[in-house]
N, C-alpha and C. Protein backbone atom coordinates (compact mmCIF):
# COMPACT_ATOMS: atom_id res chain seq x y z
N MET A 1 -107.22 -34.97 -135.33
CA MET A 1 -107.26 -34.17 -136.30
C MET A 1 -106.25 -33.16 -136.14
N PHE A 2 -105.45 -32.81 -137.35
CA PHE A 2 -103.92 -31.98 -137.62
C PHE A 2 -104.44 -30.69 -137.61
N LYS A 3 -103.60 -29.47 -137.11
CA LYS A 3 -104.69 -28.51 -137.33
C LYS A 3 -103.16 -27.89 -138.13
N ILE A 4 -103.66 -26.69 -138.94
CA ILE A 4 -102.56 -25.86 -139.56
C ILE A 4 -101.84 -25.08 -139.08
N THR A 5 -102.58 -24.43 -137.70
CA THR A 5 -102.12 -23.77 -136.88
C THR A 5 -101.76 -24.26 -135.59
N PRO A 6 -100.31 -24.64 -135.12
CA PRO A 6 -100.00 -25.51 -133.83
C PRO A 6 -100.55 -24.32 -132.70
N ASN A 7 -101.03 -24.92 -131.50
CA ASN A 7 -101.24 -24.15 -130.61
C ASN A 7 -100.10 -23.10 -130.18
N PRO A 8 -101.00 -21.84 -130.05
CA PRO A 8 -99.88 -20.60 -129.40
C PRO A 8 -98.67 -21.19 -128.26
N THR A 9 -98.58 -22.06 -127.59
CA THR A 9 -98.19 -22.66 -126.52
C THR A 9 -97.86 -24.31 -126.63
N PHE A 10 -97.34 -24.80 -125.79
CA PHE A 10 -97.05 -26.42 -125.57
C PHE A 10 -96.09 -26.84 -123.97
N THR A 11 -96.46 -27.69 -123.51
CA THR A 11 -95.92 -27.92 -122.53
C THR A 11 -95.26 -29.39 -122.44
N THR A 12 -93.83 -29.36 -122.39
CA THR A 12 -93.01 -30.68 -122.60
C THR A 12 -92.30 -31.00 -120.99
N ASP A 13 -92.01 -32.23 -120.66
CA ASP A 13 -90.95 -32.48 -120.00
C ASP A 13 -89.92 -32.19 -120.16
N VAL A 14 -89.30 -31.58 -119.19
CA VAL A 14 -87.63 -31.45 -119.04
C VAL A 14 -87.06 -32.34 -117.91
N GLU A 15 -86.15 -32.50 -118.61
CA GLU A 15 -84.97 -33.64 -117.57
C GLU A 15 -84.09 -32.65 -117.06
N LEU A 16 -83.73 -32.35 -115.97
CA LEU A 16 -82.72 -31.37 -115.35
C LEU A 16 -81.95 -32.49 -114.54
N HIS A 17 -80.36 -32.18 -114.70
CA HIS A 17 -79.39 -33.20 -114.05
C HIS A 17 -79.15 -32.26 -112.77
N VAL A 18 -79.23 -33.28 -111.44
CA VAL A 18 -79.12 -33.04 -110.46
C VAL A 18 -77.82 -33.46 -109.82
N PRO A 19 -76.92 -32.51 -109.17
CA PRO A 19 -75.77 -33.33 -108.83
C PRO A 19 -76.02 -34.33 -107.65
N GLY A 20 -75.45 -35.68 -107.79
CA GLY A 20 -75.06 -36.61 -107.08
C GLY A 20 -76.58 -37.54 -106.77
N GLU A 21 -77.47 -37.37 -107.99
CA GLU A 21 -78.38 -38.09 -107.70
C GLU A 21 -78.29 -38.92 -109.00
N ASP A 22 -78.99 -40.30 -109.06
CA ASP A 22 -78.95 -41.36 -110.13
C ASP A 22 -79.36 -40.95 -111.06
N LYS A 23 -80.97 -40.24 -111.17
CA LYS A 23 -81.73 -39.84 -112.25
C LYS A 23 -82.14 -38.69 -112.04
N PRO A 24 -82.35 -37.89 -112.90
CA PRO A 24 -82.75 -36.47 -113.41
C PRO A 24 -84.08 -36.10 -112.78
N GLY A 25 -83.95 -35.04 -112.25
CA GLY A 25 -85.44 -34.38 -111.55
C GLY A 25 -85.87 -33.97 -113.06
N ILE A 26 -87.25 -34.22 -113.07
CA ILE A 26 -88.16 -34.34 -114.30
C ILE A 26 -89.13 -32.90 -114.12
N ILE A 27 -89.15 -31.91 -115.06
CA ILE A 27 -90.39 -30.53 -114.31
C ILE A 27 -90.84 -30.57 -116.05
N LYS A 28 -91.86 -29.79 -115.63
CA LYS A 28 -92.62 -29.60 -116.78
C LYS A 28 -92.59 -28.08 -117.35
N ILE A 29 -92.40 -27.42 -118.73
CA ILE A 29 -92.08 -26.34 -118.79
C ILE A 29 -93.22 -25.82 -119.67
N THR A 30 -93.87 -24.80 -119.97
CA THR A 30 -94.90 -24.68 -121.14
C THR A 30 -94.12 -23.40 -121.83
N PHE A 31 -93.92 -23.69 -122.99
CA PHE A 31 -93.07 -22.80 -124.15
C PHE A 31 -93.76 -22.14 -125.09
N LYS A 32 -93.58 -20.76 -125.39
CA LYS A 32 -94.52 -20.70 -126.73
C LYS A 32 -93.80 -21.33 -127.72
N TYR A 33 -94.98 -21.33 -128.72
CA TYR A 33 -94.79 -21.97 -130.17
C TYR A 33 -93.96 -20.92 -131.16
N LEU A 34 -93.24 -21.28 -131.38
CA LEU A 34 -92.43 -20.11 -132.44
C LEU A 34 -92.53 -21.20 -133.90
N ASP A 35 -92.91 -20.71 -134.98
CA ASP A 35 -92.81 -20.74 -136.29
C ASP A 35 -91.45 -20.77 -137.04
N LYS A 36 -91.18 -21.07 -138.03
CA LYS A 36 -89.44 -21.53 -138.38
C LYS A 36 -88.93 -20.19 -138.38
N GLU A 37 -89.73 -18.72 -139.24
CA GLU A 37 -89.50 -17.27 -138.85
C GLU A 37 -88.83 -16.88 -137.73
N GLN A 38 -89.84 -17.48 -136.78
CA GLN A 38 -89.93 -16.38 -135.48
C GLN A 38 -88.33 -17.64 -134.50
N LEU A 39 -88.46 -18.51 -134.91
CA LEU A 39 -87.49 -19.11 -134.39
C LEU A 39 -85.78 -19.11 -135.00
N SER A 40 -85.90 -18.87 -136.33
CA SER A 40 -84.64 -18.47 -136.76
C SER A 40 -84.18 -16.79 -135.90
N ASN A 41 -85.21 -16.10 -136.14
CA ASN A 41 -85.09 -14.89 -135.56
C ASN A 41 -84.44 -14.90 -133.94
N TRP A 42 -85.07 -16.05 -133.02
CA TRP A 42 -84.73 -16.19 -131.54
C TRP A 42 -83.42 -16.69 -131.90
N GLN A 43 -82.95 -17.66 -132.65
CA GLN A 43 -81.36 -18.06 -132.15
C GLN A 43 -80.41 -17.27 -132.58
N LYS A 44 -81.07 -16.15 -134.09
CA LYS A 44 -79.90 -15.47 -134.41
C LYS A 44 -80.22 -14.39 -133.08
N ASN A 45 -81.09 -13.46 -132.73
CA ASN A 45 -80.97 -12.38 -131.29
C ASN A 45 -80.07 -12.99 -130.31
N ASN A 46 -80.43 -13.97 -130.09
CA ASN A 46 -80.21 -14.27 -128.38
C ASN A 46 -78.69 -14.48 -128.55
N GLY A 47 -77.43 -14.37 -129.56
CA GLY A 47 -76.16 -14.90 -129.31
C GLY A 47 -75.66 -13.84 -128.21
N GLY A 48 -76.19 -12.36 -128.37
CA GLY A 48 -75.09 -11.94 -127.23
C GLY A 48 -76.00 -11.40 -125.68
N LYS A 49 -77.16 -12.50 -125.86
CA LYS A 49 -77.66 -12.26 -124.69
C LYS A 49 -77.38 -13.22 -123.60
N SER A 50 -77.79 -13.89 -122.52
CA SER A 50 -77.80 -14.51 -121.48
C SER A 50 -78.55 -15.35 -121.44
N VAL A 51 -78.54 -16.72 -121.05
CA VAL A 51 -79.31 -17.70 -121.18
C VAL A 51 -80.81 -17.29 -120.68
N LEU A 52 -80.82 -16.61 -119.49
CA LEU A 52 -81.58 -16.03 -118.80
C LEU A 52 -82.57 -15.23 -119.98
N GLU A 53 -82.10 -14.83 -120.33
CA GLU A 53 -82.66 -13.26 -121.82
C GLU A 53 -83.36 -14.46 -122.71
N ALA A 54 -82.78 -15.26 -122.87
CA ALA A 54 -83.42 -16.00 -124.55
C ALA A 54 -84.18 -16.63 -123.52
N LEU A 55 -84.34 -17.62 -122.50
CA LEU A 55 -85.68 -18.64 -122.14
C LEU A 55 -86.67 -17.47 -121.66
N GLU A 56 -86.54 -16.61 -121.09
CA GLU A 56 -87.27 -15.70 -120.54
C GLU A 56 -88.21 -15.33 -121.73
N GLN A 57 -87.85 -15.26 -123.15
CA GLN A 57 -88.57 -14.83 -124.29
C GLN A 57 -89.88 -15.92 -124.56
N ILE A 58 -89.12 -17.47 -124.03
CA ILE A 58 -90.26 -18.72 -124.64
C ILE A 58 -90.85 -19.50 -123.51
N ILE A 59 -90.34 -18.79 -122.69
CA ILE A 59 -90.94 -19.74 -121.61
C ILE A 59 -92.35 -19.10 -120.95
N THR A 60 -93.42 -19.57 -121.06
CA THR A 60 -94.43 -19.30 -120.06
C THR A 60 -94.90 -19.85 -118.96
N GLY A 61 -94.59 -20.63 -118.25
CA GLY A 61 -94.74 -21.62 -117.24
C GLY A 61 -94.32 -22.60 -116.93
N TRP A 62 -94.30 -23.42 -115.55
CA TRP A 62 -93.99 -24.35 -115.75
C TRP A 62 -94.60 -24.94 -114.26
N ASP A 63 -94.13 -26.51 -113.96
CA ASP A 63 -94.98 -27.64 -112.69
C ASP A 63 -93.81 -27.94 -112.43
N GLY A 64 -93.70 -28.71 -111.14
CA GLY A 64 -92.92 -29.80 -110.68
C GLY A 64 -91.73 -29.01 -110.31
N ILE A 65 -91.64 -27.68 -109.56
CA ILE A 65 -90.84 -27.18 -108.70
C ILE A 65 -91.07 -26.50 -107.61
N GLU A 66 -90.57 -27.51 -106.43
CA GLU A 66 -91.13 -27.05 -105.27
C GLU A 66 -89.47 -25.83 -104.50
N THR A 67 -90.78 -24.85 -103.81
CA THR A 67 -89.89 -23.96 -102.80
C THR A 67 -88.95 -25.08 -101.59
N ASP A 68 -88.44 -23.73 -100.87
CA ASP A 68 -87.53 -24.53 -99.95
C ASP A 68 -88.64 -24.98 -98.55
N ASP A 69 -89.66 -24.29 -98.83
CA ASP A 69 -90.64 -24.76 -97.86
C ASP A 69 -91.46 -26.02 -98.46
N GLY A 70 -91.42 -26.47 -99.71
CA GLY A 70 -92.23 -27.75 -100.09
C GLY A 70 -93.66 -27.20 -100.46
N GLY A 71 -93.56 -26.10 -100.90
CA GLY A 71 -94.56 -25.40 -101.92
C GLY A 71 -94.44 -25.23 -103.38
N GLN A 72 -95.63 -24.60 -104.14
CA GLN A 72 -95.29 -24.97 -105.41
C GLN A 72 -94.36 -23.38 -106.05
N ALA A 73 -93.16 -23.77 -106.26
CA ALA A 73 -92.54 -22.59 -107.08
C ALA A 73 -92.99 -21.87 -108.61
N GLU A 74 -93.60 -20.85 -108.14
CA GLU A 74 -94.54 -20.20 -109.56
C GLU A 74 -93.37 -20.15 -110.09
N TYR A 75 -93.95 -20.18 -111.67
CA TYR A 75 -92.95 -19.11 -112.96
C TYR A 75 -92.66 -18.34 -112.65
N SER A 76 -91.22 -17.70 -112.44
CA SER A 76 -91.60 -15.89 -112.83
C SER A 76 -89.65 -15.96 -113.26
N VAL A 77 -89.58 -14.70 -113.56
CA VAL A 77 -88.39 -14.64 -114.21
C VAL A 77 -87.38 -14.78 -113.03
N ASP A 78 -87.61 -14.03 -111.82
CA ASP A 78 -86.40 -14.48 -110.65
C ASP A 78 -86.47 -15.95 -110.14
N ASN A 79 -87.67 -15.98 -110.48
CA ASN A 79 -86.91 -18.00 -110.04
C ASN A 79 -86.68 -18.81 -111.31
N LEU A 80 -86.87 -18.17 -112.01
CA LEU A 80 -85.74 -19.08 -113.12
C LEU A 80 -84.36 -18.48 -113.06
N LYS A 81 -84.00 -17.27 -113.14
CA LYS A 81 -83.27 -17.05 -112.56
C LYS A 81 -82.31 -17.53 -111.51
N LYS A 82 -82.81 -17.83 -110.06
CA LYS A 82 -82.57 -18.88 -109.45
C LYS A 82 -82.51 -20.27 -109.65
N LEU A 83 -83.24 -20.60 -110.46
CA LEU A 83 -82.89 -22.25 -110.96
C LEU A 83 -82.11 -22.33 -112.05
N LEU A 84 -81.72 -21.51 -112.69
CA LEU A 84 -80.37 -21.16 -113.83
C LEU A 84 -79.11 -21.20 -112.65
N SER A 85 -79.04 -20.27 -111.40
CA SER A 85 -77.79 -20.03 -110.74
C SER A 85 -77.50 -21.18 -109.95
N THR A 86 -78.54 -22.22 -109.86
CA THR A 86 -78.60 -23.59 -108.71
C THR A 86 -77.65 -24.68 -109.54
N TYR A 87 -78.37 -24.63 -110.62
CA TYR A 87 -78.22 -25.60 -111.65
C TYR A 87 -77.52 -25.64 -112.84
N HIS A 88 -76.68 -25.52 -112.71
CA HIS A 88 -75.41 -25.69 -113.80
C HIS A 88 -75.31 -25.55 -114.95
N SER A 89 -76.01 -27.06 -115.55
CA SER A 89 -76.51 -27.43 -116.60
C SER A 89 -78.18 -26.94 -116.90
N ALA A 90 -78.97 -26.50 -116.10
CA ALA A 90 -80.25 -26.25 -116.54
C ALA A 90 -80.22 -25.25 -117.85
N GLY A 91 -80.22 -24.21 -117.67
CA GLY A 91 -80.07 -23.58 -119.27
C GLY A 91 -80.01 -24.56 -120.38
N GLN A 92 -79.08 -25.10 -120.22
CA GLN A 92 -78.63 -26.16 -121.53
C GLN A 92 -79.33 -27.00 -121.98
N ASP A 93 -80.30 -27.89 -120.29
CA ASP A 93 -81.33 -28.91 -120.35
C ASP A 93 -82.61 -28.16 -120.84
N ILE A 94 -82.88 -27.24 -120.84
CA ILE A 94 -84.27 -26.54 -120.88
C ILE A 94 -84.25 -26.01 -122.33
N THR A 95 -83.08 -25.40 -122.96
CA THR A 95 -82.82 -24.97 -124.14
C THR A 95 -82.82 -26.57 -125.35
N GLN A 96 -82.26 -27.05 -124.70
CA GLN A 96 -82.34 -29.02 -125.70
C GLN A 96 -84.16 -28.99 -125.76
N ALA A 97 -84.26 -29.08 -124.63
CA ALA A 97 -85.72 -29.75 -124.49
C ALA A 97 -86.64 -28.85 -125.60
N PHE A 98 -86.94 -27.40 -125.61
CA PHE A 98 -87.50 -26.64 -126.09
C PHE A 98 -87.17 -27.13 -127.62
N LEU A 99 -85.82 -26.99 -127.89
CA LEU A 99 -85.35 -26.93 -129.40
C LEU A 99 -86.29 -28.78 -130.06
N SER A 100 -85.57 -30.04 -129.14
CA SER A 100 -85.89 -31.03 -129.67
C SER A 100 -87.54 -31.21 -129.72
N GLU A 101 -88.44 -30.32 -128.96
CA GLU A 101 -89.58 -30.66 -129.37
C GLU A 101 -90.53 -29.67 -130.35
N ILE A 102 -89.85 -28.99 -130.74
CA ILE A 102 -89.96 -27.66 -131.54
C ILE A 102 -90.02 -27.94 -132.90
N LEU A 103 -88.38 -28.83 -132.86
CA LEU A 103 -88.06 -29.46 -133.89
C LEU A 103 -88.74 -30.85 -134.62
N GLY A 104 -89.24 -31.79 -133.69
CA GLY A 104 -89.87 -32.81 -134.10
C GLY A 104 -88.95 -33.93 -133.73
N ALA A 105 -87.73 -33.21 -132.86
CA ALA A 105 -86.65 -34.56 -132.87
C ALA A 105 -87.43 -35.41 -131.82
N ARG A 106 -86.96 -37.21 -132.12
CA ARG A 106 -87.68 -38.10 -131.23
C ARG A 106 -86.83 -38.26 -129.78
N ARG A 107 -87.55 -38.65 -129.51
CA ARG A 107 -86.68 -39.15 -127.61
C ARG A 107 -86.49 -40.59 -127.61
N LYS A 108 -85.29 -41.12 -127.55
CA LYS A 108 -84.90 -42.16 -127.07
C LYS A 108 -85.46 -42.73 -126.10
N ASN A 109 -85.96 -44.22 -125.64
CA ASN A 109 -86.30 -44.82 -124.69
C ASN A 109 -85.50 -45.10 -124.13
């Protein structure tokens, strides 16, 4: 049944460009749900902020990222910072996935 109030968080697959690979890396990221006013404020208030600062406001967790020793990389601001500095398009990829999901944009198959 459709709920009048959405869940406070949602999880979606995010495709990250991996240099030299034919296919993107796919991770799951859990985001905070933002209503229209909150989304508008988030977009307006992040004009002067870094991508890290903007994303840390909406990401609550992730899955599918390994550490160098093969373990699970837990979500933290430090690990997000490392991801963003290692993969140049990650900030754009994550932001686009968030906006596409929250705005209801349909994905192409």
